[in-house]
N, C-alpha and C. Protein backbone atom coordinates (compact mmCIF):
# COMPACT_ATOMS: atom_id res chain seq x y z
N UNK A 1 -4.77 -80.64 42.31
CA UNK A 1 -4.21 -80.28 41.13
C UNK A 1 -5.50 -79.30 40.24
N UNK A 2 -6.41 -80.41 39.97
CA UNK A 2 -7.68 -79.23 38.96
C UNK A 2 -8.33 -78.19 39.70
N UNK A 3 -8.16 -78.08 41.27
CA UNK A 3 -8.71 -77.30 41.75
C UNK A 3 -7.50 -76.01 41.64
N UNK A 4 -6.62 -76.51 41.81
CA UNK A 4 -5.66 -75.36 41.69
C UNK A 4 -5.57 -74.81 40.14
N UNK A 5 -5.64 -75.44 39.24
CA UNK A 5 -5.99 -74.96 37.37
C UNK A 5 -7.37 -74.29 37.70
N UNK A 6 -8.38 -74.38 38.19
CA UNK A 6 -9.70 -74.14 38.02
C UNK A 6 -9.27 -72.72 38.78
N UNK A 7 -9.13 -72.30 39.99
CA UNK A 7 -8.65 -71.43 40.84
C UNK A 7 -7.69 -70.34 40.01
N UNK A 8 -6.52 -70.92 39.54
CA UNK A 8 -5.53 -69.85 38.75
C UNK A 8 -6.74 -69.35 37.59
N UNK A 9 -7.08 -70.17 36.94
CA UNK A 9 -8.21 -69.60 35.71
C UNK A 9 -9.39 -68.63 35.86
N UNK A 10 -10.22 -68.75 36.90
CA UNK A 10 -11.00 -68.04 37.78
C UNK A 10 -10.04 -66.26 38.25
N UNK A 11 -8.79 -66.45 38.53
CA UNK A 11 -8.20 -65.35 38.93
C UNK A 11 -7.81 -64.68 37.46
N UNK A 12 -7.64 -65.32 36.49
CA UNK A 12 -7.06 -64.80 35.70
C UNK A 12 -8.18 -63.92 34.39
N UNK A 13 -9.40 -64.64 34.79
CA UNK A 13 -10.11 -64.33 34.29
C UNK A 13 -10.58 -63.07 35.15
N UNK A 14 -10.53 -62.91 36.39
CA UNK A 14 -10.91 -61.38 36.90
C UNK A 14 -9.83 -60.62 36.80
N UNK A 15 -8.92 -60.90 36.10
CA UNK A 15 -7.89 -60.03 36.09
C UNK A 15 -8.18 -59.47 34.89
N UNK A 16 -8.39 -60.02 33.87
CA UNK A 16 -8.53 -59.88 32.57
C UNK A 16 -10.00 -58.82 32.64
N UNK A 17 -10.80 -59.13 33.10
CA UNK A 17 -12.36 -58.42 33.50
C UNK A 17 -12.11 -56.94 33.89
N UNK A 18 -11.11 -57.41 34.76
CA UNK A 18 -10.78 -55.45 35.49
C UNK A 18 -10.17 -54.89 34.08
N UNK A 19 -9.13 -55.15 33.70
CA UNK A 19 -8.63 -54.54 32.47
C UNK A 19 -9.33 -54.27 31.56
N UNK A 20 -10.10 -54.65 31.23
CA UNK A 20 -11.43 -55.05 29.84
C UNK A 20 -12.02 -53.60 31.06
N UNK A 21 -12.61 -53.10 31.65
CA UNK A 21 -13.48 -52.93 31.94
C UNK A 21 -12.69 -51.35 32.13
N UNK A 22 -11.41 -51.06 32.69
CA UNK A 22 -10.72 -50.02 32.97
C UNK A 22 -10.62 -49.36 31.65
N UNK A 23 -10.49 -50.06 30.35
CA UNK A 23 -10.52 -49.57 28.86
C UNK A 23 -11.87 -49.08 28.34
N UNK A 24 -12.78 -49.76 28.83
CA UNK A 24 -14.15 -49.07 28.08
C UNK A 24 -14.25 -47.34 28.78
N UNK A 25 -13.51 -46.97 30.04
CA UNK A 25 -13.67 -45.81 30.86
C UNK A 25 -13.63 -44.67 29.25
N UNK A 26 -14.35 -43.70 29.25
CA UNK A 26 -14.22 -42.77 28.65
C UNK A 26 -12.77 -41.87 28.73
N UNK A 27 -12.20 -41.56 27.83
CA UNK A 27 -10.88 -40.69 27.95
C UNK A 27 -11.26 -39.59 28.20
N UNK A 28 -10.60 -39.04 29.60
CA UNK A 28 -10.68 -38.14 29.95
C UNK A 28 -9.40 -37.26 30.26
N UNK A 29 -9.50 -36.02 31.04
CA UNK A 29 -8.36 -35.34 31.30
C UNK A 29 -8.39 -35.15 33.12
N UNK A 30 -7.63 -36.11 33.55
CA UNK A 30 -7.43 -36.04 34.89
C UNK A 30 -6.92 -34.77 35.61
N UNK A 31 -5.95 -34.20 35.10
CA UNK A 31 -5.49 -33.48 35.45
C UNK A 31 -4.45 -31.97 34.89
N UNK A 32 -4.18 -31.17 35.16
CA UNK A 32 -3.57 -30.04 33.87
C UNK A 32 -2.80 -29.17 35.18
N UNK A 33 -1.44 -29.04 35.08
CA UNK A 33 -0.61 -28.37 35.72
C UNK A 33 0.37 -27.20 35.28
N UNK A 34 0.31 -26.02 35.52
CA UNK A 34 1.01 -25.41 34.62
C UNK A 34 1.97 -24.76 36.28
N UNK A 35 3.34 -24.78 35.33
CA UNK A 35 4.84 -24.46 36.05
C UNK A 35 5.60 -23.40 35.30
N UNK A 36 6.07 -22.74 36.29
CA UNK A 36 7.52 -21.99 35.51
C UNK A 36 8.70 -22.97 34.76
N UNK A 37 9.48 -22.49 34.21
CA UNK A 37 10.62 -23.23 33.79
C UNK A 37 11.24 -23.29 34.90
N UNK A 38 12.59 -24.16 34.73
CA UNK A 38 13.34 -24.59 35.96
C UNK A 38 14.64 -24.05 35.84
N UNK A 39 14.74 -23.45 34.50
CA UNK A 39 15.98 -22.60 34.34
C UNK A 39 16.75 -23.74 32.85
N UNK A 40 16.75 -25.42 32.97
CA UNK A 40 16.95 -26.00 32.21
C UNK A 40 15.95 -26.59 30.78
N UNK A 41 14.83 -25.90 31.10
CA UNK A 41 14.22 -26.07 29.82
C UNK A 41 12.92 -27.01 30.32
N UNK A 42 13.00 -27.44 31.63
CA UNK A 42 11.78 -28.42 31.88
C UNK A 42 10.79 -27.49 32.92
N UNK A 43 9.59 -28.02 33.35
CA UNK A 43 8.53 -27.55 34.43
C UNK A 43 9.30 -27.73 35.67
N UNK A 44 9.64 -26.66 36.33
CA UNK A 44 9.33 -26.59 37.32
C UNK A 44 8.30 -26.43 38.61
N UNK A 45 8.62 -24.92 39.46
CA UNK A 45 7.39 -24.73 40.41
C UNK A 45 6.25 -24.66 39.44
N UNK A 46 5.22 -25.18 40.11
CA UNK A 46 4.17 -25.53 39.60
C UNK A 46 3.10 -23.93 40.31
N UNK A 47 2.20 -23.24 39.33
CA UNK A 47 1.70 -21.92 39.73
C UNK A 47 0.30 -22.06 39.30
N UNK A 48 -0.23 -20.91 39.45
CA UNK A 48 -1.55 -20.82 39.27
C UNK A 48 -1.39 -19.60 38.17
N UNK A 49 -0.37 -18.53 38.23
CA UNK A 49 -0.48 -17.49 37.50
C UNK A 49 1.33 -17.46 37.24
N UNK A 50 1.35 -16.38 36.29
CA UNK A 50 2.57 -16.46 35.48
C UNK A 50 3.54 -15.36 36.31
N UNK A 51 4.66 -14.96 35.87
CA UNK A 51 5.09 -13.83 36.49
C UNK A 51 5.61 -12.89 34.32
N UNK A 52 5.78 -11.78 34.20
CA UNK A 52 6.08 -11.40 32.69
C UNK A 52 7.56 -12.09 32.58
N UNK A 53 8.24 -12.18 33.58
CA UNK A 53 9.56 -12.64 33.43
C UNK A 53 10.07 -14.20 33.20
N UNK A 54 8.64 -14.94 33.85
CA UNK A 54 8.29 -16.06 32.96
C UNK A 54 7.96 -16.42 31.97
N UNK A 55 9.53 -16.42 31.05
CA UNK A 55 9.29 -16.55 29.23
C UNK A 55 9.17 -17.93 28.77
N UNK A 56 9.05 -18.49 29.83
CA UNK A 56 8.77 -20.40 29.44
C UNK A 56 7.51 -20.53 30.04
N UNK A 57 5.88 -20.96 29.56
CA UNK A 57 5.16 -21.24 30.11
C UNK A 57 5.04 -22.79 30.08
N UNK A 58 5.08 -23.56 31.07
CA UNK A 58 5.00 -25.34 31.15
C UNK A 58 3.81 -25.63 31.33
N UNK A 59 2.98 -27.17 30.63
CA UNK A 59 1.63 -27.40 30.94
C UNK A 59 2.09 -28.92 30.80
N UNK A 60 1.56 -29.91 32.05
CA UNK A 60 1.61 -31.27 32.37
C UNK A 60 -0.05 -31.79 32.31
N UNK A 61 -0.35 -32.57 31.29
CA UNK A 61 -1.27 -32.56 31.26
C UNK A 61 -1.41 -34.49 31.39
N UNK A 62 -2.39 -34.78 32.06
CA UNK A 62 -2.46 -36.34 32.96
C UNK A 62 -3.96 -36.73 32.52
N UNK A 63 -3.89 -38.06 31.44
CA UNK A 63 -5.00 -38.63 30.93
C UNK A 63 -5.20 -39.53 32.09
N UNK A 64 -6.59 -39.95 31.82
CA UNK A 64 -7.06 -41.05 32.80
C UNK A 64 -6.34 -42.83 32.11
N UNK A 65 -6.01 -42.57 31.20
CA UNK A 65 -5.48 -43.58 30.63
C UNK A 65 -5.03 -43.60 29.35
N UNK A 66 -4.22 -44.22 28.72
CA UNK A 66 -3.68 -44.43 27.59
C UNK A 66 -4.69 -45.03 26.64
N UNK A 67 -4.25 -43.89 24.97
CA UNK A 67 -5.40 -44.57 23.83
C UNK A 67 -4.35 -44.70 22.45
N UNK A 68 -4.32 -46.09 22.20
CA UNK A 68 -3.56 -45.77 20.80
C UNK A 68 -4.02 -44.82 19.83
N UNK A 69 -3.20 -44.13 19.17
CA UNK A 69 -3.92 -43.46 18.02
C UNK A 69 -4.52 -41.65 18.25
N UNK A 70 -4.52 -41.41 19.60
CA UNK A 70 -4.80 -40.25 20.47
C UNK A 70 -4.02 -39.00 19.75
N UNK A 71 -4.54 -38.20 19.62
CA UNK A 71 -4.25 -37.04 18.99
C UNK A 71 -4.61 -35.95 20.28
N UNK A 72 -3.84 -35.17 20.10
CA UNK A 72 -3.57 -34.37 21.33
C UNK A 72 -3.68 -33.10 21.06
N UNK A 73 -3.68 -31.64 21.02
CA UNK A 73 -3.75 -30.47 20.63
C UNK A 73 -3.62 -29.47 21.70
N UNK A 74 -2.37 -29.04 22.20
CA UNK A 74 -2.73 -27.54 23.10
C UNK A 74 -2.49 -26.63 22.50
N UNK A 75 -3.59 -25.34 22.46
CA UNK A 75 -3.12 -24.33 22.12
C UNK A 75 -3.53 -22.87 22.90
N UNK A 76 -2.24 -22.38 22.90
CA UNK A 76 -2.17 -21.29 24.15
C UNK A 76 -2.74 -19.84 23.34
N UNK A 77 -3.75 -18.88 24.26
CA UNK A 77 -4.45 -18.45 23.69
C UNK A 77 -4.24 -16.80 24.53
N UNK A 78 -3.80 -15.63 23.83
CA UNK A 78 -4.16 -14.45 24.49
C UNK A 78 -5.40 -14.03 25.00
N UNK A 79 -6.18 -14.23 26.01
CA UNK A 79 -7.52 -13.44 25.75
C UNK A 79 -7.76 -12.26 25.83
N UNK A 80 -6.82 -11.46 26.94
CA UNK A 80 -6.96 -10.15 26.98
C UNK A 80 -5.59 -9.52 27.60
N UNK A 81 -4.57 -9.31 26.61
CA UNK A 81 -2.87 -8.85 27.31
C UNK A 81 -2.47 -8.11 25.96
N UNK A 82 -1.40 -7.12 26.44
CA UNK A 82 -1.10 -6.55 25.69
C UNK A 82 -1.77 -5.70 24.71
N UNK A 83 -3.22 -5.23 24.60
CA UNK A 83 -3.56 -4.87 23.49
C UNK A 83 -4.30 -5.78 22.35
N UNK A 84 -4.45 -7.17 22.75
CA UNK A 84 -4.47 -8.11 21.55
C UNK A 84 -5.52 -9.03 22.46
N UNK A 85 -6.61 -9.38 22.01
CA UNK A 85 -7.77 -10.20 22.15
C UNK A 85 -8.10 -11.11 21.58
N UNK A 86 -8.17 -12.07 22.12
CA UNK A 86 -8.49 -13.64 21.66
C UNK A 86 -7.83 -14.29 20.38
N UNK A 87 -6.43 -13.85 20.79
CA UNK A 87 -5.53 -14.76 19.87
C UNK A 87 -4.13 -15.67 19.79
N UNK A 88 -4.60 -16.60 19.16
CA UNK A 88 -3.87 -17.61 19.05
C UNK A 88 -2.23 -17.48 18.91
N UNK A 89 -1.67 -17.63 19.94
CA UNK A 89 -0.33 -17.47 20.26
C UNK A 89 0.56 -18.88 20.14
N UNK A 90 0.20 -19.76 20.32
CA UNK A 90 1.31 -21.48 19.81
C UNK A 90 0.42 -22.02 19.72
N UNK A 91 0.58 -23.32 19.09
CA UNK A 91 -0.22 -24.63 19.21
C UNK A 91 0.67 -25.23 18.60
N UNK A 92 0.42 -26.66 19.33
CA UNK A 92 1.30 -27.23 18.96
C UNK A 92 0.76 -29.19 19.50
N UNK A 93 0.42 -30.19 18.26
CA UNK A 93 0.12 -31.84 18.23
C UNK A 93 1.03 -32.75 18.81
N UNK A 94 -0.07 -33.40 19.35
CA UNK A 94 1.20 -34.89 19.83
C UNK A 94 0.33 -35.70 19.15
N UNK A 95 0.94 -36.68 18.67
CA UNK A 95 0.37 -38.24 18.33
C UNK A 95 1.07 -39.65 18.80
N UNK A 96 0.81 -40.42 18.92
CA UNK A 96 1.76 -41.58 19.38
C UNK A 96 2.38 -41.74 20.57
N UNK A 97 1.40 -41.02 21.69
CA UNK A 97 1.73 -41.13 22.69
C UNK A 97 2.46 -42.20 23.61
N UNK A 98 3.49 -42.15 24.33
CA UNK A 98 4.00 -43.58 24.80
C UNK A 98 3.21 -43.74 26.19
N UNK A 99 2.58 -42.65 26.84
CA UNK A 99 2.00 -42.55 28.03
C UNK A 99 0.84 -42.12 28.34
N UNK A 100 0.54 -41.30 29.45
CA UNK A 100 -0.82 -40.72 29.34
C UNK A 100 -0.68 -39.71 30.24
N UNK A 101 0.36 -39.35 29.90
CA UNK A 101 1.34 -37.48 30.35
C UNK A 101 1.61 -36.89 29.01
N UNK A 102 0.89 -35.44 29.16
CA UNK A 102 1.21 -34.82 27.88
C UNK A 102 2.21 -33.01 28.33
N UNK A 103 3.18 -33.12 27.76
CA UNK A 103 3.99 -31.95 28.23
C UNK A 103 4.03 -30.75 27.12
N UNK A 104 3.54 -29.74 27.29
CA UNK A 104 3.38 -28.66 26.21
C UNK A 104 4.11 -27.27 26.84
N UNK A 105 4.89 -26.69 25.92
CA UNK A 105 5.45 -25.43 26.62
C UNK A 105 5.20 -24.32 25.45
N UNK A 106 4.81 -23.24 26.16
CA UNK A 106 4.74 -21.68 24.71
C UNK A 106 6.42 -20.78 25.78
N UNK A 107 6.82 -20.31 24.60
CA UNK A 107 8.06 -19.39 24.83
C UNK A 107 7.68 -18.07 24.26
N UNK A 108 8.45 -16.95 24.79
CA UNK A 108 8.27 -15.71 24.46
C UNK A 108 9.86 -15.53 24.99
N UNK A 109 10.59 -14.74 23.92
CA UNK A 109 12.29 -14.31 24.19
C UNK A 109 12.35 -13.10 25.50
N UNK A 110 10.98 -12.02 25.40
CA UNK A 110 10.94 -10.98 25.95
C UNK A 110 9.56 -11.33 27.15
N UNK A 111 9.81 -10.46 27.95
CA UNK A 111 8.62 -10.28 28.93
C UNK A 111 7.31 -10.52 28.08
N UNK A 112 6.27 -11.10 28.96
CA UNK A 112 5.20 -11.36 28.29
C UNK A 112 4.10 -10.14 28.99
N UNK A 113 2.65 -9.72 28.34
CA UNK A 113 2.28 -8.89 28.46
C UNK A 113 1.18 -8.92 29.75
N UNK A 114 0.84 -8.32 30.72
CA UNK A 114 0.25 -8.73 31.84
C UNK A 114 -1.35 -9.00 31.30
N UNK A 115 -2.00 -9.78 31.84
CA UNK A 115 -3.51 -9.69 31.39
C UNK A 115 -4.06 -11.47 31.42
N UNK A 116 -4.55 -11.64 30.88
CA UNK A 116 -5.58 -12.77 31.03
C UNK A 116 -5.20 -13.92 29.67
N UNK A 117 -4.74 -15.56 29.62
CA UNK A 117 -4.22 -16.16 28.92
C UNK A 117 -5.36 -17.23 29.38
N UNK A 118 -5.16 -18.59 28.08
CA UNK A 118 -5.84 -19.50 28.31
C UNK A 118 -5.05 -20.51 27.38
N UNK A 119 -5.29 -21.83 27.79
CA UNK A 119 -4.49 -22.93 27.57
C UNK A 119 -5.58 -23.89 26.84
N UNK A 120 -5.95 -23.69 25.70
CA UNK A 120 -6.89 -24.81 25.26
C UNK A 120 -6.45 -26.35 24.65
N UNK A 121 -7.23 -27.35 25.50
CA UNK A 121 -6.71 -29.05 25.44
C UNK A 121 -7.69 -29.43 24.69
N UNK A 122 -7.58 -29.92 23.34
CA UNK A 122 -8.11 -30.63 22.37
C UNK A 122 -7.53 -32.46 22.58
N UNK A 123 -8.59 -33.44 22.56
CA UNK A 123 -8.80 -34.71 22.32
C UNK A 123 -9.10 -34.92 21.13
N UNK A 124 -8.23 -35.92 20.18
CA UNK A 124 -9.13 -36.02 18.79
C UNK A 124 -10.01 -34.97 17.90
N UNK A 125 -9.32 -33.86 18.24
CA UNK A 125 -10.17 -32.83 17.26
C UNK A 125 -10.86 -31.90 18.43
N UNK A 126 -11.12 -32.67 19.70
CA UNK A 126 -12.35 -32.17 20.27
C UNK A 126 -11.97 -31.03 21.78
N UNK A 127 -12.37 -30.14 22.03
CA UNK A 127 -11.96 -29.32 23.38
C UNK A 127 -12.81 -30.08 24.40
N UNK A 128 -11.60 -30.71 25.19
CA UNK A 128 -11.75 -31.04 26.38
C UNK A 128 -11.78 -30.41 27.68
N UNK A 129 -11.15 -29.38 27.37
CA UNK A 129 -10.86 -29.02 28.71
C UNK A 129 -10.38 -27.17 28.66
N UNK A 130 -10.28 -26.03 28.94
CA UNK A 130 -9.51 -24.61 28.81
C UNK A 130 -9.25 -24.45 30.13
N UNK A 131 -8.06 -24.27 30.63
CA UNK A 131 -7.29 -23.81 31.54
C UNK A 131 -7.08 -21.98 31.29
N UNK A 132 -7.69 -21.13 32.12
CA UNK A 132 -7.62 -19.88 32.29
C UNK A 132 -6.07 -19.54 33.08
N UNK A 133 -5.76 -18.42 33.08
CA UNK A 133 -4.89 -18.16 33.83
C UNK A 133 -4.13 -16.96 33.53
N UNK A 134 -3.64 -16.18 34.29
CA UNK A 134 -3.61 -14.47 34.19
C UNK A 134 -1.42 -14.55 34.49
N UNK A 135 -1.17 -13.22 33.71
CA UNK A 135 0.10 -13.37 34.07
C UNK A 135 0.16 -11.68 34.56
N UNK A 136 0.88 -11.49 35.64
CA UNK A 136 0.46 -10.33 36.41
C UNK A 136 2.08 -9.78 37.26
């Protein structure tokens, strides 16, 4: 009985240690996926470049872990398109995330001007990653 309790106690300590080690890993972005709209307002086909007629751009950002109190900000930027340069198109902030995935969207009711664009992703007010893409 004592051996069983000792083994069970060691297993619990190892599990707690593994959980603690995972939570000390620095928060980072694991992946960013851009996608066209699926026709019902959700992310559909994954893309690296959009068409002017893709009126909704979707982004799915996966973080390496969940962090309480995290603030995520997504800023969609026109780098050089339609006569505009370095202009913010849209920005949205998310707090109190229930998981480690953030979904964002930028929309335009008419066709997008062809050119270069960028998505800037901020974690707790620090630029964590930028994703360049084109509309062609």
